[in-house]
């Protein structure tokens, strides 16, 4: 592959972000400070939540949120096995046990009927952590109803879904809390960072304390520590980048959605001679997909990827091994679950470039590379 490749991701930081970072550097207040507080408020308002607690990355956001929600040793939390491993790792880091339910085969998000079967056979579940995967929200109405019925918390893993929505309501405002990642390849970035959003003041206070070595909010800056915690704080440098990225998030998301619309139109129907085709992403009625990834399903993924690479088109596999099959989960008893839809997705899903910096020529090249592969197979 050459330097002219069409990459799977292409992070963009504007001159405005560079200028704001320069201003923070000149101020000398590089760590946690007013810039972080402003970013927290702005991002929470964007999501429709009352509070934001910025963190060093998406994983620390998930861990701190679970601690703030009261997860303890012996508690179990239902989540998806088809996600980045951080989703389940955070539950274990908080002392809990991840219990896996299967996904919907079309949306890749938790299947409420599978979640309900898990809840019916266990009495140690304290919460549900749905993952809004690839930029599409999980079915929050159904999962929220289950949480109410079984008296569970809901923590949204929204690390890939900045701006995704259901019937106009943005993710980050459905559950008791939600977590986002600002890794460079996400829909918006702070370089590296994360945030917890919540409308529960108590959860926000506990999370803010936990990420600051257990300091009480009233003792900020002092050496009075009321509980155990970590240093999971976001820097002012990261927040400065994040504020400029948040301003551009609607623009970024619309570009991703336009690229996805083009793919949907152009990739409908290609088949091999054996009749094996390509499945484009499914979007339920009323859902707004923001396409962190444009993920298709094919029968022979590696053959397609090799063909794309020969044409200079990047691709990605997220995720080739479901969490319950990871070596780190061999000793977790709940990893032995029967989760056929997750395992099939892990074998067939492949993502195409959909980032905002794609040109019209780039998109055409991607489509031609995919369709030519099917025509030659």
Protein backbone atom coordinates (compact mmCIF):
# COMPACT_ATOMS: atom_id res chain seq x y z
CA UNK A 1 0.00 0.00 0.00
CA UNK A 2 1.24 3.53 -0.81
CA UNK A 3 1.05 6.98 0.72
CA UNK A 4 -1.97 7.64 -1.51
CA UNK A 5 -4.02 5.03 0.37
CA UNK A 6 -7.54 5.86 1.46
CA UNK A 7 -7.17 5.34 5.19
CA UNK A 8 -9.77 3.93 7.57
CA UNK A 9 -9.40 7.05 9.75
CA UNK A 10 -8.00 10.57 9.31
CA UNK A 11 -8.11 12.71 12.47
CA UNK A 12 -8.26 16.45 11.85
CA UNK A 13 -7.23 19.20 14.26
CA UNK A 14 -7.93 22.76 13.14
CA UNK A 15 -5.77 25.86 13.45
CA UNK A 16 -8.28 27.12 16.01
CA UNK A 17 -7.48 24.11 18.19
CA UNK A 18 -3.77 24.77 17.82
CA UNK A 19 -4.31 28.41 18.80
CA UNK A 20 -6.34 27.45 21.86
CA UNK A 21 -3.71 24.97 22.96
CA UNK A 22 -1.07 27.67 22.52
CA UNK A 23 -3.15 29.96 24.72
CA UNK A 24 -3.36 27.29 27.43
CA UNK A 25 0.40 26.71 27.21
CA UNK A 26 1.00 30.42 27.66
CA UNK A 27 -1.37 30.55 30.63
CA UNK A 28 0.67 27.95 32.48
CA UNK A 29 -2.46 26.11 33.74
CA UNK A 30 -1.92 22.89 31.85
CA UNK A 31 -3.64 20.34 34.07
CA UNK A 32 -7.23 20.31 35.33
CA UNK A 33 -8.77 23.79 35.46
CA UNK A 34 -11.38 26.23 34.11
CA UNK A 35 -10.96 25.04 30.52
CA UNK A 36 -11.97 21.53 31.60
CA UNK A 37 -14.98 22.83 33.56
CA UNK A 38 -16.18 24.74 30.48
CA UNK A 39 -15.73 21.72 28.23
CA UNK A 40 -17.66 19.54 30.70
CA UNK A 41 -20.57 21.97 30.72
CA UNK A 42 -20.62 22.36 26.94
CA UNK A 43 -20.47 18.65 26.18
CA UNK A 44 -23.12 17.77 28.78
CA UNK A 45 -25.43 20.42 27.33
CA UNK A 46 -24.86 19.02 23.83
CA UNK A 47 -26.00 15.58 25.04
CA UNK A 48 -28.96 16.95 26.97
CA UNK A 49 -27.50 16.01 30.37
CA UNK A 50 -27.07 18.21 33.44
CA UNK A 51 -23.50 17.31 34.34
CA UNK A 52 -20.23 16.33 32.69
CA UNK A 53 -17.13 14.87 34.33
CA UNK A 54 -14.13 14.87 31.99
CA UNK A 55 -11.54 12.10 32.28
CA UNK A 56 -8.22 10.99 30.83
CA UNK A 57 -9.80 8.50 28.39
CA UNK A 58 -12.95 6.52 27.66
CA UNK A 59 -11.88 3.54 29.79
CA UNK A 60 -11.31 5.66 32.87
CA UNK A 61 -14.70 7.28 32.25
CA UNK A 62 -16.36 3.86 32.28
CA UNK A 63 -14.49 2.75 35.39
CA UNK A 64 -15.22 5.96 37.30
CA UNK A 65 -18.88 5.89 36.30
CA UNK A 66 -19.28 2.32 37.55
CA UNK A 67 -17.64 3.28 40.85
CA UNK A 68 -19.96 6.30 41.11
CA UNK A 69 -22.98 4.05 40.44
CA UNK A 70 -21.95 1.88 43.39
CA UNK A 71 -20.74 -1.34 41.74
CA UNK A 72 -19.12 -3.60 44.33
CA UNK A 73 -17.52 -7.04 44.59
CA UNK A 74 -20.11 -9.68 43.75
CA UNK A 75 -22.20 -7.39 41.56
CA UNK A 76 -22.83 -8.33 37.93
CA UNK A 77 -23.49 -6.02 34.99
CA UNK A 78 -24.99 -7.12 31.67
CA UNK A 79 -23.13 -5.88 28.61
CA UNK A 80 -22.25 -6.76 25.03
CA UNK A 81 -19.50 -9.21 24.05
CA UNK A 82 -19.18 -7.49 20.67
CA UNK A 83 -17.31 -4.33 21.62
CA UNK A 84 -13.84 -3.13 22.45
CA UNK A 85 -12.61 -4.99 25.51
CA UNK A 86 -12.67 -1.80 27.62
CA UNK A 87 -16.44 -2.16 28.05
CA UNK A 88 -16.13 -5.38 30.04
CA UNK A 89 -12.73 -4.54 31.53
CA UNK A 90 -14.18 -1.49 33.27
CA UNK A 91 -16.76 -3.67 35.02
CA UNK A 92 -14.01 -5.96 36.29
CA UNK A 93 -11.84 -3.02 37.36
CA UNK A 94 -14.74 -1.75 39.46
CA UNK A 95 -14.94 -5.16 41.18
CA UNK A 96 -17.96 -6.41 39.27
CA UNK A 97 -18.52 -9.29 36.86
CA UNK A 98 -19.50 -8.73 33.22
CA UNK A 99 -22.36 -10.94 32.09
CA UNK A 100 -22.78 -11.13 28.34
CA UNK A 101 -26.03 -11.02 26.39
CA UNK A 102 -26.15 -11.46 22.63
CA UNK A 103 -26.49 -8.73 20.04
CA UNK A 104 -29.07 -8.05 17.36
CA UNK A 105 -27.61 -9.40 14.12
CA UNK A 106 -28.52 -6.28 12.11
CA UNK A 107 -27.61 -3.43 14.48
CA UNK A 108 -24.73 -5.04 16.45
CA UNK A 109 -26.20 -3.63 19.68
CA UNK A 110 -27.63 -5.51 22.67
CA UNK A 111 -30.75 -7.58 21.94
CA UNK A 112 -33.30 -6.81 24.69
CA UNK A 113 -34.76 -10.34 24.53
CA UNK A 114 -31.30 -11.80 25.16
CA UNK A 115 -30.79 -9.38 28.04
CA UNK A 116 -34.13 -10.39 29.53
CA UNK A 117 -33.18 -14.07 29.41
CA UNK A 118 -30.01 -13.25 31.35
CA UNK A 119 -31.97 -11.27 33.93
CA UNK A 120 -34.47 -14.09 34.39
CA UNK A 121 -31.81 -16.61 35.32
CA UNK A 122 -29.61 -14.50 37.63
CA UNK A 123 -30.22 -12.59 40.84
CA UNK A 124 -26.91 -10.74 41.10
CA UNK A 125 -27.39 -8.24 38.24
CA UNK A 126 -27.22 -4.58 39.34
CA UNK A 127 -26.99 -2.81 36.00
CA UNK A 128 -27.03 -2.88 32.21
CA UNK A 129 -24.25 -1.38 30.08
CA UNK A 130 -25.49 -1.10 26.49
CA UNK A 131 -22.85 -0.26 23.88
CA UNK A 132 -23.80 2.21 21.15
CA UNK A 133 -21.60 0.48 18.61
CA UNK A 134 -20.18 1.99 15.42
CA UNK A 135 -22.19 5.19 15.97
CA UNK A 136 -25.66 3.63 16.33
CA UNK A 137 -27.62 3.81 19.57
CA UNK A 138 -28.69 0.65 21.36
CA UNK A 139 -32.48 0.17 21.82
CA UNK A 140 -32.73 2.37 24.89
CA UNK A 141 -36.52 2.32 25.31
CA UNK A 142 -36.61 -1.48 25.61
CA UNK A 143 -33.44 -1.70 27.72
CA UNK A 144 -34.63 1.12 29.95
CA UNK A 145 -37.93 -0.67 30.50
CA UNK A 146 -36.05 -3.81 31.54
CA UNK A 147 -33.90 -1.77 33.90
CA UNK A 148 -36.99 -0.27 35.50
CA UNK A 149 -38.65 -3.68 35.84
CA UNK A 150 -35.61 -5.28 37.46
CA UNK A 151 -34.52 -2.13 39.37
CA UNK A 152 -31.14 -1.78 37.64
CA UNK A 153 -28.98 1.15 36.67
CA UNK A 154 -28.22 1.87 33.01
CA UNK A 155 -24.75 3.04 32.00
CA UNK A 156 -24.46 3.92 28.31
CA UNK A 157 -21.16 3.06 26.67
CA UNK A 158 -21.37 5.85 24.11
CA UNK A 159 -17.66 5.87 23.32
CA UNK A 160 -18.36 5.52 19.59
CA UNK A 161 -21.56 7.51 19.29
CA UNK A 162 -21.05 11.26 19.77
CA UNK A 163 -24.28 12.83 18.48
CA UNK A 164 -26.20 9.62 17.81
CA UNK A 165 -29.88 9.90 18.70
CA UNK A 166 -33.23 8.15 18.96
CA UNK A 167 -36.27 10.23 17.99
CA UNK A 168 -34.22 13.38 18.45
CA UNK A 169 -32.86 12.52 21.90
CA UNK A 170 -29.10 12.23 21.92
CA UNK A 171 -27.22 9.39 23.55
CA UNK A 172 -25.64 10.44 26.79
CA UNK A 173 -29.03 11.41 28.21
CA UNK A 174 -30.90 8.08 28.36
CA UNK A 175 -29.29 6.22 31.24
CA UNK A 176 -28.26 7.00 34.80
CA UNK A 177 -24.91 7.94 33.26
CA UNK A 178 -23.07 7.63 29.96
CA UNK A 179 -19.44 7.55 28.88
CA UNK A 180 -17.71 8.87 25.76
CA UNK A 181 -14.19 8.46 24.41
CA UNK A 182 -12.21 11.16 22.63
CA UNK A 183 -9.56 8.88 21.14
CA UNK A 184 -8.10 10.39 17.92
CA UNK A 185 -10.16 8.23 15.54
CA UNK A 186 -13.53 8.97 17.19
CA UNK A 187 -16.09 11.38 15.73
CA UNK A 188 -14.44 14.10 17.82
CA UNK A 189 -11.19 14.02 19.75
CA UNK A 190 -9.25 15.68 22.55
CA UNK A 191 -6.09 13.79 21.53
CA UNK A 192 -6.90 11.26 24.27
CA UNK A 193 -9.70 11.72 26.76
CA UNK A 194 -13.17 10.79 27.91
CA UNK A 195 -16.22 12.15 29.71
CA UNK A 196 -19.11 10.98 31.87
CA UNK A 197 -22.49 12.63 31.34
CA UNK A 198 -25.34 12.34 33.83
CA UNK A 199 -28.34 14.21 35.16
CA UNK A 200 -27.88 12.67 38.61
CA UNK A 201 -26.03 15.17 40.78
CA UNK A 202 -24.91 12.48 43.22
CA UNK A 203 -23.39 10.35 40.45
CA UNK A 204 -21.60 13.42 39.08
CA UNK A 205 -20.18 14.33 42.48
CA UNK A 206 -18.98 10.80 43.20
CA UNK A 207 -17.42 10.48 39.75
CA UNK A 208 -15.68 13.86 40.07
CA UNK A 209 -14.29 12.78 43.44
CA UNK A 210 -13.17 9.37 42.19
CA UNK A 211 -11.18 10.78 39.26
CA UNK A 212 -9.46 13.23 41.63
CA UNK A 213 -8.03 10.79 44.21
CA UNK A 214 -11.23 10.69 46.24
CA UNK A 215 -11.30 14.37 47.08
CA UNK A 216 -14.66 15.83 48.00
CA UNK A 217 -15.86 18.56 45.65
CA UNK A 218 -15.72 21.07 48.50
CA UNK A 219 -12.06 20.18 49.17
CA UNK A 220 -10.86 20.63 45.58
CA UNK A 221 -7.21 21.62 45.68
CA UNK A 222 -6.74 20.53 49.28
CA UNK A 223 -5.24 17.35 50.69
CA UNK A 224 -8.47 16.08 52.28
CA UNK A 225 -9.43 12.77 50.66
CA UNK A 226 -12.75 11.29 51.70
CA UNK A 227 -12.64 8.10 49.65
CA UNK A 228 -10.41 5.93 47.47
CA UNK A 229 -9.85 7.20 43.95
CA UNK A 230 -7.48 7.60 41.02
CA UNK A 231 -5.96 10.39 39.02
CA UNK A 232 -8.21 10.10 35.96
CA UNK A 233 -8.43 13.83 35.27
CA UNK A 234 -8.47 15.46 31.83
CA UNK A 235 -5.86 18.11 31.09
CA UNK A 236 -6.68 21.66 30.07
CA UNK A 237 -4.75 21.04 26.85
CA UNK A 238 -7.10 18.19 25.95
CA UNK A 239 -10.16 20.22 26.89
CA UNK A 240 -9.04 23.07 24.64
CA UNK A 241 -8.87 20.71 21.69
CA UNK A 242 -12.21 19.18 22.70
CA UNK A 243 -14.01 22.51 22.74
CA UNK A 244 -13.04 23.22 19.14
CA UNK A 245 -13.92 19.69 18.10
CA UNK A 246 -17.34 19.91 19.74
CA UNK A 247 -18.05 23.06 17.74
CA UNK A 248 -17.32 21.09 14.57
CA UNK A 249 -19.00 17.82 15.61
CA UNK A 250 -22.24 18.53 13.68
CA UNK A 251 -20.15 19.20 10.55
CA UNK A 252 -18.08 16.05 11.10
CA UNK A 253 -21.15 13.89 11.68
CA UNK A 254 -23.00 15.20 8.65
CA UNK A 255 -19.99 14.45 6.46
CA UNK A 256 -19.89 10.89 7.82
CA UNK A 257 -23.63 10.51 7.22
CA UNK A 258 -23.32 11.81 3.66
CA UNK A 259 -20.50 9.35 2.95
CA UNK A 260 -22.65 6.56 4.41
CA UNK A 261 -25.63 7.57 2.25
CA UNK A 262 -23.43 7.33 -0.83
CA UNK A 263 -22.23 3.86 0.15
CA UNK A 264 -25.78 2.74 0.91
CA UNK A 265 -26.90 3.76 -2.57
CA UNK A 266 -23.90 2.43 -4.45
CA UNK A 267 -23.32 -0.82 -2.58
CA UNK A 268 -26.87 -2.14 -2.57
CA UNK A 269 -26.96 -5.60 -4.09
CA UNK A 270 -23.46 -6.74 -5.13
CA UNK A 271 -23.14 -10.54 -5.07
CA UNK A 272 -20.58 -13.16 -5.92
CA UNK A 273 -21.33 -15.86 -8.48
CA UNK A 274 -22.36 -18.05 -5.57
CA UNK A 275 -25.02 -15.55 -4.55
CA UNK A 276 -23.18 -14.46 -1.40
CA UNK A 277 -23.73 -10.74 -1.02
CA UNK A 278 -22.89 -7.74 1.06
CA UNK A 279 -24.97 -6.39 3.95
CA UNK A 280 -24.88 -2.63 4.48
CA UNK A 281 -25.59 -1.10 7.92
CA UNK A 282 -29.16 -1.27 9.23
CA UNK A 283 -30.65 1.82 10.85
CA UNK A 284 -33.97 1.41 12.72
CA UNK A 285 -36.74 3.93 12.17
CA UNK A 286 -36.20 7.07 14.23
CA UNK A 287 -32.51 6.38 14.90
CA UNK A 288 -29.73 8.78 13.86
CA UNK A 289 -26.55 6.88 13.02
CA UNK A 290 -23.34 8.95 13.15
CA UNK A 291 -21.10 6.31 11.52
CA UNK A 292 -18.03 6.15 13.69
CA UNK A 293 -17.58 3.15 11.42
CA UNK A 294 -19.37 2.14 8.22
CA UNK A 295 -19.53 -1.59 8.80
CA UNK A 296 -20.60 -4.14 6.22
CA UNK A 297 -20.88 -7.92 6.42
CA UNK A 298 -19.38 -10.29 3.89
CA UNK A 299 -18.83 -14.01 3.75
CA UNK A 300 -15.09 -13.97 2.99
CA UNK A 301 -13.83 -10.92 4.82
CA UNK A 302 -10.10 -11.50 4.41
CA UNK A 303 -10.40 -11.97 0.65
CA UNK A 304 -12.26 -8.68 0.38
CA UNK A 305 -9.71 -6.88 2.57
CA UNK A 306 -6.82 -8.17 0.49
CA UNK A 307 -8.55 -7.00 -2.68
CA UNK A 308 -9.20 -3.56 -1.16
CA UNK A 309 -5.59 -3.25 -0.02
CA UNK A 310 -4.42 -3.98 -3.55
CA UNK A 311 -6.47 -0.97 -4.66
CA UNK A 312 -5.08 1.28 -1.92
CA UNK A 313 -8.27 1.21 0.15
CA UNK A 314 -7.91 0.77 3.89
CA UNK A 315 -10.34 -1.27 5.97
CA UNK A 316 -10.73 -2.31 9.59
CA UNK A 317 -12.07 -5.23 11.58
CA UNK A 318 -13.79 -4.21 14.81
CA UNK A 319 -13.78 -6.73 16.48
CA UNK A 320 -12.31 -10.05 15.28
CA UNK A 321 -12.59 -11.78 18.68
CA UNK A 322 -15.64 -11.21 20.87
CA UNK A 323 -14.78 -10.35 24.46
CA UNK A 324 -15.98 -13.63 25.92
CA UNK A 325 -13.44 -15.44 23.70
CA UNK A 326 -10.50 -13.24 24.70
CA UNK A 327 -7.67 -14.96 26.64
CA UNK A 328 -8.13 -12.48 29.51
CA UNK A 329 -11.67 -13.83 29.97
CA UNK A 330 -10.88 -17.53 30.12
CA UNK A 331 -11.25 -17.46 33.90
CA UNK A 332 -14.47 -15.43 33.89
CA UNK A 333 -17.30 -17.92 34.36
CA UNK A 334 -19.82 -15.85 32.40
CA UNK A 335 -17.56 -15.98 29.32
CA UNK A 336 -18.83 -19.47 28.50
CA UNK A 337 -22.17 -18.08 27.30
CA UNK A 338 -23.71 -19.17 24.00
CA UNK A 339 -23.63 -16.00 21.89
CA UNK A 340 -23.92 -17.06 18.24
CA UNK A 341 -24.86 -13.69 16.74
CA UNK A 342 -21.87 -11.98 18.34
CA UNK A 343 -19.53 -14.70 17.14
CA UNK A 344 -20.87 -14.55 13.60
CA UNK A 345 -20.50 -10.76 13.51
CA UNK A 346 -16.89 -11.14 14.68
CA UNK A 347 -16.26 -13.36 11.64
CA UNK A 348 -18.04 -11.26 9.00
CA UNK A 349 -17.95 -7.56 9.91
CA UNK A 350 -15.53 -5.24 8.13
CA UNK A 351 -15.46 -1.44 8.14
CA UNK A 352 -14.83 0.86 5.19
CA UNK A 353 -13.42 4.42 5.29
CA UNK A 354 -16.19 6.86 6.21
CA UNK A 355 -14.29 9.71 7.89
CA UNK A 356 -15.11 13.36 7.06
CA UNK A 357 -11.98 13.94 4.99
CA UNK A 358 -12.96 11.53 2.21
CA UNK A 359 -13.24 13.22 -1.18
CA UNK A 360 -15.81 12.36 -3.84
CA UNK A 361 -13.02 10.56 -5.70
CA UNK A 362 -12.13 8.62 -2.56
CA UNK A 363 -15.70 7.43 -2.16
CA UNK A 364 -15.91 6.35 -5.77
CA UNK A 365 -12.64 4.47 -5.43
CA UNK A 366 -13.93 2.63 -2.34
CA UNK A 367 -17.16 1.66 -4.10
CA UNK A 368 -15.38 0.57 -7.27
CA UNK A 369 -12.94 -1.54 -5.25
CA UNK A 370 -15.76 -3.30 -3.40
CA UNK A 371 -17.94 -3.89 -6.45
CA UNK A 372 -15.00 -5.03 -8.57
CA UNK A 373 -14.17 -7.60 -5.91
CA UNK A 374 -17.68 -9.02 -6.07
CA UNK A 375 -17.74 -8.94 -9.87
CA UNK A 376 -14.50 -10.92 -10.02
CA UNK A 377 -15.45 -13.53 -7.45
